[in-house]
Protein backbone atom coordinates (compact mmCIF):
# COMPACT_ATOMS: atom_id res chain seq x y z
CA UNK A 1 -161.70 -130.44 18.40
CA UNK A 2 -158.49 -128.39 17.87
CA UNK A 3 -155.40 -129.68 16.04
CA UNK A 4 -152.81 -131.41 18.26
CA UNK A 5 -149.69 -130.21 16.43
CA UNK A 6 -147.81 -126.95 16.03
CA UNK A 7 -148.65 -126.80 12.32
CA UNK A 8 -152.26 -125.92 13.01
CA UNK A 9 -153.07 -124.82 9.45
CA UNK A 10 -152.08 -125.99 5.98
CA UNK A 11 -148.64 -124.51 5.20
CA UNK A 12 -146.89 -123.37 2.04
CA UNK A 13 -146.26 -126.95 0.87
CA UNK A 14 -149.98 -127.36 0.26
CA UNK A 15 -150.53 -124.08 -1.57
CA UNK A 16 -147.47 -124.68 -3.74
CA UNK A 17 -148.21 -128.20 -4.86
CA UNK A 18 -152.02 -128.28 -4.55
CA UNK A 19 -153.19 -124.71 -5.21
CA UNK A 20 -156.84 -125.67 -5.75
CA UNK A 21 -157.22 -127.25 -2.30
CA UNK A 22 -158.84 -124.68 0.05
CA UNK A 23 -159.13 -124.64 3.84
CA UNK A 24 -162.84 -124.48 4.67
CA UNK A 25 -162.65 -125.38 8.36
CA UNK A 26 -159.99 -125.07 11.04
CA UNK A 27 -161.47 -127.48 13.58
CA UNK A 28 -161.19 -130.14 12.45
CA UNK A 29 -158.96 -129.10 9.56
CA UNK A 30 -161.03 -129.63 6.44
CA UNK A 31 -159.67 -129.16 2.93
CA UNK A 32 -161.88 -129.05 -0.13
CA UNK A 33 -161.22 -128.42 -3.78
CA UNK A 34 -159.58 -130.07 -6.74
CA UNK A 35 -156.53 -132.24 -7.35
CA UNK A 36 -154.99 -131.52 -10.73
CA UNK A 37 -154.02 -134.74 -12.56
CA UNK A 38 -151.44 -133.69 -15.17
CA UNK A 39 -147.94 -134.30 -16.56
CA UNK A 40 -148.04 -137.95 -15.48
CA UNK A 41 -145.49 -140.47 -16.82
CA UNK A 42 -147.98 -142.06 -19.23
CA UNK A 43 -147.55 -141.27 -22.94
CA UNK A 44 -151.27 -140.98 -23.62
CA UNK A 45 -151.66 -138.37 -20.87
CA UNK A 46 -148.94 -135.86 -21.87
CA UNK A 47 -151.46 -133.25 -23.00
CA UNK A 48 -154.33 -134.26 -20.76
CA UNK A 49 -155.33 -132.46 -17.58
CA UNK A 50 -158.08 -133.62 -15.22
CA UNK A 51 -159.45 -131.97 -12.11
CA UNK A 52 -160.75 -134.35 -9.45
CA UNK A 53 -162.96 -132.89 -6.73
CA UNK A 54 -162.47 -134.13 -3.17
CA UNK A 55 -162.87 -133.24 0.50
CA UNK A 56 -160.31 -134.20 3.16
CA UNK A 57 -161.07 -134.03 6.89
CA UNK A 58 -157.82 -134.21 8.90
CA UNK A 59 -158.35 -133.90 12.68
CA UNK A 60 -154.61 -134.51 13.29
CA UNK A 61 -153.23 -132.25 10.56
CA UNK A 62 -150.54 -132.35 9.22
CA UNK A 63 -150.62 -136.09 9.94
CA UNK A 64 -152.97 -138.36 7.99
CA UNK A 65 -154.04 -140.26 11.12
CA UNK A 66 -157.88 -140.63 11.43
CA UNK A 67 -158.40 -138.61 8.25
CA UNK A 68 -161.51 -139.05 6.09
CA UNK A 69 -161.76 -138.49 2.35
CA UNK A 70 -164.78 -137.95 0.11
CA UNK A 71 -164.62 -137.83 -3.68
CA UNK A 72 -166.90 -135.92 -6.01
CA UNK A 73 -169.03 -137.55 -8.67
CA UNK A 74 -166.30 -137.29 -11.32
CA UNK A 75 -164.17 -139.95 -9.67
CA UNK A 76 -167.16 -141.90 -8.39
CA UNK A 77 -168.02 -142.99 -11.93
CA UNK A 78 -164.50 -144.35 -12.39
CA UNK A 79 -163.98 -145.93 -9.00
CA UNK A 80 -163.92 -149.70 -8.52
CA UNK A 81 -162.95 -152.07 -5.71
CA UNK A 82 -159.32 -152.31 -6.74
CA UNK A 83 -159.00 -148.52 -6.74
CA UNK A 84 -160.84 -148.20 -3.41
CA UNK A 85 -158.54 -150.78 -1.81
CA UNK A 86 -155.46 -148.85 -2.93
CA UNK A 87 -156.90 -145.62 -1.48
CA UNK A 88 -157.54 -147.40 1.85
CA UNK A 89 -153.94 -148.62 1.98
CA UNK A 90 -152.72 -145.08 1.28
CA UNK A 91 -155.03 -143.65 3.96
CA UNK A 92 -153.58 -146.07 6.53
CA UNK A 93 -149.97 -145.11 5.79
CA UNK A 94 -147.92 -142.99 8.20
CA UNK A 95 -147.42 -139.92 5.99
CA UNK A 96 -148.29 -136.22 6.09
CA UNK A 97 -151.16 -134.59 4.26
CA UNK A 98 -149.14 -132.87 1.46
CA UNK A 99 -147.34 -136.14 0.68
CA UNK A 100 -150.63 -138.04 0.76
CA UNK A 101 -152.24 -135.68 -1.74
CA UNK A 102 -149.25 -135.97 -4.08
CA UNK A 103 -149.34 -139.78 -3.93
CA UNK A 104 -153.11 -139.70 -4.40
CA UNK A 105 -152.58 -137.67 -7.59
CA UNK A 106 -150.39 -140.42 -9.00
CA UNK A 107 -152.82 -143.14 -7.91
CA UNK A 108 -155.78 -141.42 -9.59
CA UNK A 109 -153.72 -140.74 -12.71
CA UNK A 110 -152.71 -144.39 -12.97
CA UNK A 111 -156.31 -145.48 -12.43
CA UNK A 112 -157.64 -143.13 -15.14
CA UNK A 113 -154.90 -144.21 -17.51
CA UNK A 114 -155.79 -147.90 -17.02
CA UNK A 115 -159.46 -147.14 -17.56
CA UNK A 116 -158.68 -145.28 -20.76
CA UNK A 117 -156.42 -148.09 -21.98
CA UNK A 118 -159.05 -150.74 -21.17
CA UNK A 119 -161.75 -148.72 -22.93
CA UNK A 120 -159.54 -148.45 -26.00
CA UNK A 121 -158.89 -152.21 -25.91
CA UNK A 122 -162.63 -152.92 -25.60
CA UNK A 123 -163.36 -150.72 -28.61
CA UNK A 124 -160.63 -152.42 -30.63
CA UNK A 125 -161.91 -155.85 -29.54
CA UNK A 126 -165.49 -155.00 -30.53
CA UNK A 127 -164.33 -153.63 -33.89
CA UNK A 128 -162.42 -156.84 -34.64
CA UNK A 129 -165.42 -158.91 -33.54
CA UNK A 130 -167.80 -157.08 -35.89
CA UNK A 131 -165.38 -157.59 -38.76
CA UNK A 132 -165.07 -161.27 -37.81
CA UNK A 133 -168.85 -161.69 -37.60
CA UNK A 134 -169.33 -159.96 -40.94
CA UNK A 135 -166.93 -162.47 -42.57
CA UNK A 136 -168.99 -165.33 -41.12
CA UNK A 137 -172.30 -163.90 -42.38
CA UNK A 138 -170.89 -163.45 -45.89
CA UNK A 139 -169.83 -167.12 -46.01
CA UNK A 140 -172.85 -169.34 -45.20
CA UNK A 141 -172.12 -172.75 -43.67
CA UNK A 142 -173.94 -175.86 -42.43
CA UNK A 143 -172.94 -174.76 -38.97
CA UNK A 144 -175.65 -172.76 -37.21
CA UNK A 145 -174.41 -169.61 -35.47
CA UNK A 146 -176.37 -167.93 -32.68
CA UNK A 147 -175.56 -165.39 -30.01
CA UNK A 148 -176.75 -163.96 -26.73
CA UNK A 149 -178.29 -160.47 -26.62
CA UNK A 150 -175.03 -158.59 -26.00
CA UNK A 151 -172.94 -160.62 -28.47
CA UNK A 152 -170.70 -161.81 -25.63
CA UNK A 153 -171.12 -165.52 -26.40
CA UNK A 154 -171.50 -167.34 -29.71
CA UNK A 155 -172.99 -170.83 -30.06
CA UNK A 156 -171.99 -173.11 -32.93
CA UNK A 157 -174.30 -176.08 -33.65
CA UNK A 158 -174.27 -178.96 -36.11
CA UNK A 159 -176.10 -182.32 -35.94
CA UNK A 160 -177.13 -181.81 -32.29
CA UNK A 161 -173.51 -181.03 -31.36
CA UNK A 162 -172.62 -177.59 -30.04
CA UNK A 163 -169.87 -175.49 -28.52
CA UNK A 164 -170.20 -172.08 -26.89
CA UNK A 165 -167.47 -169.50 -27.33
CA UNK A 166 -166.99 -166.38 -25.24
CA UNK A 167 -165.30 -163.18 -26.34
CA UNK A 168 -162.47 -161.92 -24.18
CA UNK A 169 -160.27 -158.83 -24.30
CA UNK A 170 -157.17 -160.54 -25.63
CA UNK A 171 -156.18 -159.14 -29.00
CA UNK A 172 -154.14 -162.25 -29.87
CA UNK A 173 -156.67 -164.90 -28.76
CA UNK A 174 -160.09 -163.18 -28.61
CA UNK A 175 -162.14 -166.36 -28.16
CA UNK A 176 -162.32 -169.13 -25.59
CA UNK A 177 -164.60 -172.19 -25.38
CA UNK A 178 -166.70 -172.22 -22.20
CA UNK A 179 -168.95 -175.19 -23.06
CA UNK A 180 -168.49 -178.13 -25.42
CA UNK A 181 -170.18 -181.42 -26.35
CA UNK A 182 -166.88 -182.89 -27.53
CA UNK A 183 -164.88 -185.47 -25.56
CA UNK A 184 -161.50 -184.37 -24.21
CA UNK A 185 -158.95 -185.05 -26.94
CA UNK A 186 -155.46 -183.47 -26.91
CA UNK A 187 -155.65 -182.14 -30.48
CA UNK A 188 -159.02 -180.56 -29.70
CA UNK A 189 -157.70 -178.95 -26.52
CA UNK A 190 -154.99 -177.11 -28.45
CA UNK A 191 -157.61 -175.68 -30.79
CA UNK A 192 -159.82 -174.64 -27.87
CA UNK A 193 -157.01 -172.53 -26.42
CA UNK A 194 -155.99 -170.87 -29.70
CA UNK A 195 -159.12 -169.51 -31.39
CA UNK A 196 -158.13 -166.36 -33.23
CA UNK A 197 -160.97 -166.02 -35.73
CA UNK A 198 -164.65 -166.96 -35.62
CA UNK A 199 -164.69 -168.24 -39.20
CA UNK A 200 -161.71 -170.50 -38.42
CA UNK A 201 -163.54 -171.78 -35.33
CA UNK A 202 -166.55 -172.70 -37.50
CA UNK A 203 -164.39 -174.59 -39.99
CA UNK A 204 -162.59 -176.55 -37.26
CA UNK A 205 -165.83 -177.21 -35.39
CA UNK A 206 -167.34 -178.79 -38.51
CA UNK A 207 -164.18 -180.85 -39.03
CA UNK A 208 -164.32 -182.13 -35.44
CA UNK A 209 -167.96 -183.19 -35.79
CA UNK A 210 -167.20 -185.10 -38.99
CA UNK A 211 -164.14 -186.68 -37.37
CA UNK A 212 -166.17 -188.08 -34.44
CA UNK A 213 -169.29 -189.21 -36.30
CA UNK A 214 -168.06 -192.81 -36.65
CA UNK A 215 -167.29 -193.04 -32.92
CA UNK A 216 -170.76 -191.76 -32.03
CA UNK A 217 -172.32 -194.30 -34.43
CA UNK A 218 -170.49 -197.15 -32.68
CA UNK A 219 -171.62 -195.98 -29.24
CA UNK A 220 -175.20 -195.47 -30.43
CA UNK A 221 -175.33 -199.10 -31.62
CA UNK A 222 -174.19 -200.22 -28.16
CA UNK A 223 -176.80 -198.04 -26.47
CA UNK A 224 -179.55 -199.57 -28.61
CA UNK A 225 -178.52 -203.21 -28.17
CA UNK A 226 -177.06 -203.43 -24.67
CA UNK A 227 -178.11 -202.62 -21.15
CA UNK A 228 -175.87 -199.65 -20.38
CA UNK A 229 -175.60 -198.93 -16.66
CA UNK A 230 -173.05 -196.13 -16.90
CA UNK A 231 -173.36 -193.40 -17.93
CA UNK A 232 -177.06 -193.41 -17.14
CA UNK A 233 -177.67 -190.60 -19.64
CA UNK A 234 -174.90 -190.82 -22.25
CA UNK A 235 -173.97 -187.66 -24.13
CA UNK A 236 -171.56 -186.96 -26.96
CA UNK A 237 -168.62 -186.36 -24.62
CA UNK A 238 -168.81 -189.90 -23.14
CA UNK A 239 -166.49 -192.31 -24.88
CA UNK A 240 -167.11 -195.19 -22.43
CA UNK A 241 -169.98 -197.57 -21.72
CA UNK A 242 -170.46 -199.93 -18.78
CA UNK A 243 -172.48 -202.88 -20.04
CA UNK A 244 -174.53 -205.26 -17.88
CA UNK A 245 -173.58 -208.91 -18.42
CA UNK A 246 -175.22 -210.60 -15.42
CA UNK A 247 -176.17 -209.98 -11.80
CA UNK A 248 -172.55 -210.69 -10.89
CA UNK A 249 -170.54 -209.01 -13.60
CA UNK A 250 -170.42 -205.98 -15.90
CA UNK A 251 -167.92 -204.71 -18.45
CA UNK A 252 -166.70 -201.21 -19.21
CA UNK A 253 -165.30 -200.38 -22.63
CA UNK A 254 -163.61 -197.10 -23.50
CA UNK A 255 -163.14 -196.53 -27.20
CA UNK A 256 -160.62 -194.34 -28.99
CA UNK A 257 -162.52 -191.36 -30.48
CA UNK A 258 -160.22 -191.25 -33.51
CA UNK A 259 -160.02 -195.06 -33.98
CA UNK A 260 -163.48 -196.14 -32.82
CA UNK A 261 -163.40 -199.75 -34.06
CA UNK A 262 -159.93 -200.53 -32.74
CA UNK A 263 -159.59 -202.76 -29.67
CA UNK A 264 -160.93 -200.61 -26.80
CA UNK A 265 -159.83 -200.51 -23.19
CA UNK A 266 -161.82 -203.25 -21.42
CA UNK A 267 -162.40 -203.67 -17.68
CA UNK A 268 -164.50 -206.27 -15.89
CA UNK A 269 -166.32 -205.52 -12.63
CA UNK A 270 -168.19 -207.79 -10.26
CA UNK A 271 -167.61 -210.74 -7.96
CA UNK A 272 -164.08 -212.15 -7.80
CA UNK A 273 -165.15 -215.57 -9.07
CA UNK A 274 -167.10 -214.24 -12.06
CA UNK A 275 -164.41 -211.74 -13.04
CA UNK A 276 -161.78 -214.51 -12.98
CA UNK A 277 -164.05 -216.88 -14.91
CA UNK A 278 -164.79 -214.27 -17.58
CA UNK A 279 -161.13 -213.23 -17.81
CA UNK A 280 -160.08 -216.83 -18.37
CA UNK A 281 -162.89 -217.28 -20.88
CA UNK A 282 -161.85 -214.32 -23.05
CA UNK A 283 -159.02 -216.02 -24.91
CA UNK A 284 -159.75 -214.73 -28.42
CA UNK A 285 -158.77 -211.09 -27.86
CA UNK A 286 -156.29 -211.33 -30.75
CA UNK A 287 -159.19 -212.03 -33.10
CA UNK A 288 -160.49 -208.49 -32.70
CA UNK A 289 -161.27 -207.16 -36.18
CA UNK A 290 -161.16 -203.34 -36.60
CA UNK A 291 -163.09 -203.72 -39.86
CA UNK A 292 -166.13 -204.90 -37.86
CA UNK A 293 -168.22 -202.86 -35.46
CA UNK A 294 -167.50 -202.66 -31.75
CA UNK A 295 -170.73 -204.53 -31.01
CA UNK A 296 -169.92 -207.43 -33.35
CA UNK A 297 -166.42 -207.72 -31.91
CA UNK A 298 -167.76 -207.79 -28.35
CA UNK A 299 -170.19 -210.58 -29.23
CA UNK A 300 -167.29 -212.53 -30.71
CA UNK A 301 -165.19 -211.85 -27.62
CA UNK A 302 -167.92 -213.01 -25.21
CA UNK A 303 -169.20 -215.77 -27.53
CA UNK A 304 -172.80 -214.55 -27.39
CA UNK A 305 -175.49 -213.80 -30.01
CA UNK A 306 -176.95 -210.88 -28.15
CA UNK A 307 -176.35 -208.96 -24.95
CA UNK A 308 -178.58 -209.74 -21.97
CA UNK A 309 -181.07 -207.30 -20.55
CA UNK A 310 -180.74 -206.51 -16.88
CA UNK A 311 -182.72 -208.78 -14.57
CA UNK A 312 -184.05 -207.76 -11.17
CA UNK A 313 -182.47 -209.48 -8.18
CA UNK A 314 -184.91 -212.00 -6.72
CA UNK A 315 -182.95 -213.62 -3.89
CA UNK A 316 -180.72 -211.54 -1.66
CA UNK A 317 -180.03 -211.37 2.05
CA UNK A 318 -181.79 -208.00 2.07
CA UNK A 319 -185.60 -208.20 2.01
CA UNK A 320 -187.94 -206.01 -0.01
CA UNK A 321 -187.97 -203.32 2.66
CA UNK A 322 -184.17 -203.00 2.70
CA UNK A 323 -182.60 -199.57 2.76
CA UNK A 324 -179.90 -200.66 0.32
CA UNK A 325 -180.96 -201.22 -3.29
CA UNK A 326 -179.40 -203.84 -5.50
CA UNK A 327 -177.15 -201.32 -7.24
CA UNK A 328 -176.17 -199.22 -4.23
CA UNK A 329 -172.95 -199.63 -2.29
CA UNK A 330 -173.50 -201.76 0.81
CA UNK A 331 -171.19 -199.49 2.82
CA UNK A 332 -171.87 -195.88 1.80
CA UNK A 333 -175.45 -196.76 0.62
CA UNK A 334 -175.01 -194.52 -2.45
CA UNK A 335 -175.03 -195.57 -6.07
CA UNK A 336 -172.36 -193.06 -7.12
CA UNK A 337 -169.12 -192.61 -5.18
CA UNK A 338 -167.37 -189.31 -4.47
CA UNK A 339 -165.51 -189.85 -7.75
CA UNK A 340 -168.84 -190.38 -9.56
CA UNK A 341 -168.17 -194.12 -9.95
CA UNK A 342 -170.71 -196.95 -9.74
CA UNK A 343 -170.07 -199.96 -7.44
CA UNK A 344 -167.51 -202.25 -9.11
CA UNK A 345 -167.36 -205.13 -6.59
CA UNK A 346 -170.07 -207.73 -5.91
CA UNK A 347 -170.10 -210.33 -3.17
CA UNK A 348 -169.41 -213.88 -4.42
CA UNK A 349 -172.31 -215.29 -2.38
CA UNK A 350 -175.24 -215.91 -4.72
CA UNK A 351 -177.62 -215.33 -1.81
CA UNK A 352 -175.99 -211.97 -0.97
CA UNK A 353 -174.91 -210.19 -4.17
CA UNK A 354 -174.28 -206.94 -2.30
CA UNK A 355 -172.52 -204.29 -4.42
CA UNK A 356 -169.59 -202.17 -3.21
CA UNK A 357 -167.41 -199.33 -4.39
CA UNK A 358 -163.83 -200.61 -4.26
CA UNK A 359 -162.77 -197.50 -2.32
CA UNK A 360 -165.50 -198.07 0.31
CA UNK A 361 -164.78 -201.79 0.61
CA UNK A 362 -161.04 -201.18 0.86
CA UNK A 363 -161.45 -198.74 3.74
CA UNK A 364 -163.81 -201.17 5.47
CA UNK A 365 -161.42 -204.11 5.13
CA UNK A 366 -158.44 -202.03 6.30
CA UNK A 367 -160.18 -201.44 9.65
CA UNK A 368 -159.40 -205.07 10.48
CA UNK A 369 -155.64 -205.28 11.08
CA UNK A 370 -155.76 -209.03 10.53
CA UNK A 371 -156.81 -208.78 6.86
CA UNK A 372 -153.99 -209.75 4.49
CA UNK A 373 -152.60 -207.54 1.70
CA UNK A 374 -151.05 -209.34 -1.29
CA UNK A 375 -149.85 -207.69 -4.52
CA UNK A 376 -151.90 -204.55 -3.99
CA UNK A 377 -155.11 -206.40 -3.01
CA UNK A 378 -156.62 -206.67 0.46
CA UNK A 379 -158.47 -209.86 1.43
CA UNK A 380 -161.24 -210.13 4.01
CA UNK A 381 -164.91 -211.03 4.37
CA UNK A 382 -168.14 -209.45 3.13
CA UNK A 383 -169.61 -207.12 5.81
CA UNK A 384 -173.05 -208.72 5.24
CA UNK A 385 -172.67 -212.46 4.71
CA UNK A 386 -169.03 -213.09 5.80
CA UNK A 387 -168.15 -214.63 2.42
CA UNK A 388 -164.51 -214.15 1.36
CA UNK A 389 -164.00 -210.98 -0.69
CA UNK A 390 -161.08 -208.88 -1.97
CA UNK A 391 -160.44 -205.58 -3.74
CA UNK A 392 -157.56 -203.27 -4.69
CA UNK A 393 -156.21 -201.56 -1.58
CA UNK A 394 -156.87 -197.82 -1.44
CA UNK A 395 -154.47 -195.58 0.46
């Protein structure tokens, strides 16, 4: 195929600005040789000169249209997706070959400069890390320190509590926490985002463990003496417990990690009648004593000697072959909702006792335009037994 333009061969512009690019074929016009990357506006490259081998096939020379470019192995080792995308954009531009080669010079120079700068930063980061690690090894601690094979992540462990830190390329904040057993506490979150030294991280990690030990002791006592239905497998990050009280009612407490024996946040879940009865019954909330344990205070609050163990439902509308279990939502048939919540409503009918997620029940009740909404609650009837039931309205 012959060129379609009057300038059938590379002209003086090419030989002047790109002297190492040689014409090796006239049809289609094919240029091969080296682009000289030098005198670029980057301080670290003032005295550096690189020669990048390439081949350019230009069937519509001097236009770039339908041109193809192939790089030699020197640039192949440096190329990445970001660089390749920039080359593609340049190849699709409406410019002439000499201009393209000049712009390509700048693009390659910028790419090499960034690679050099990143390599320098990586070396500096690794050097600082080794110095940091050496400081840790020279100062033994109760905290166990372990690492992956390439020293990219560091795990700190103490009393079955752990956090995992990952090195990044930031010179100011070289560490970030990617996994933690700690609950989310504002003062901890600030520390997690500002880890400058590994030895400082170890000291603060130990302090955090010691700070939360009392809270974990309180929750452990609850786990051992109550029937906890949520979370099913408590871990150190969970500061709440949902405690079974009867087939019709349960209670969730959320303690303050830094004031574990203070009056916690308390919520009651279950049938409307039982929740109201229990709410009216709890009249001694002001007697809460922060000098006593959470468990002892809860017993005082509920006026019981010990917490009940969960009993299996024996009489429900659903028979033994029912699809819905006694802890699954009667509408979505799942135990956990999309928000990872357990059912928090129970039908008032003692012969029904079907459980519901408030969100599921609210949507169900809103389908009936005749159901009344009062003070943020929607009132209707149980989908199974037609007993009166209500829940907070969900929008």
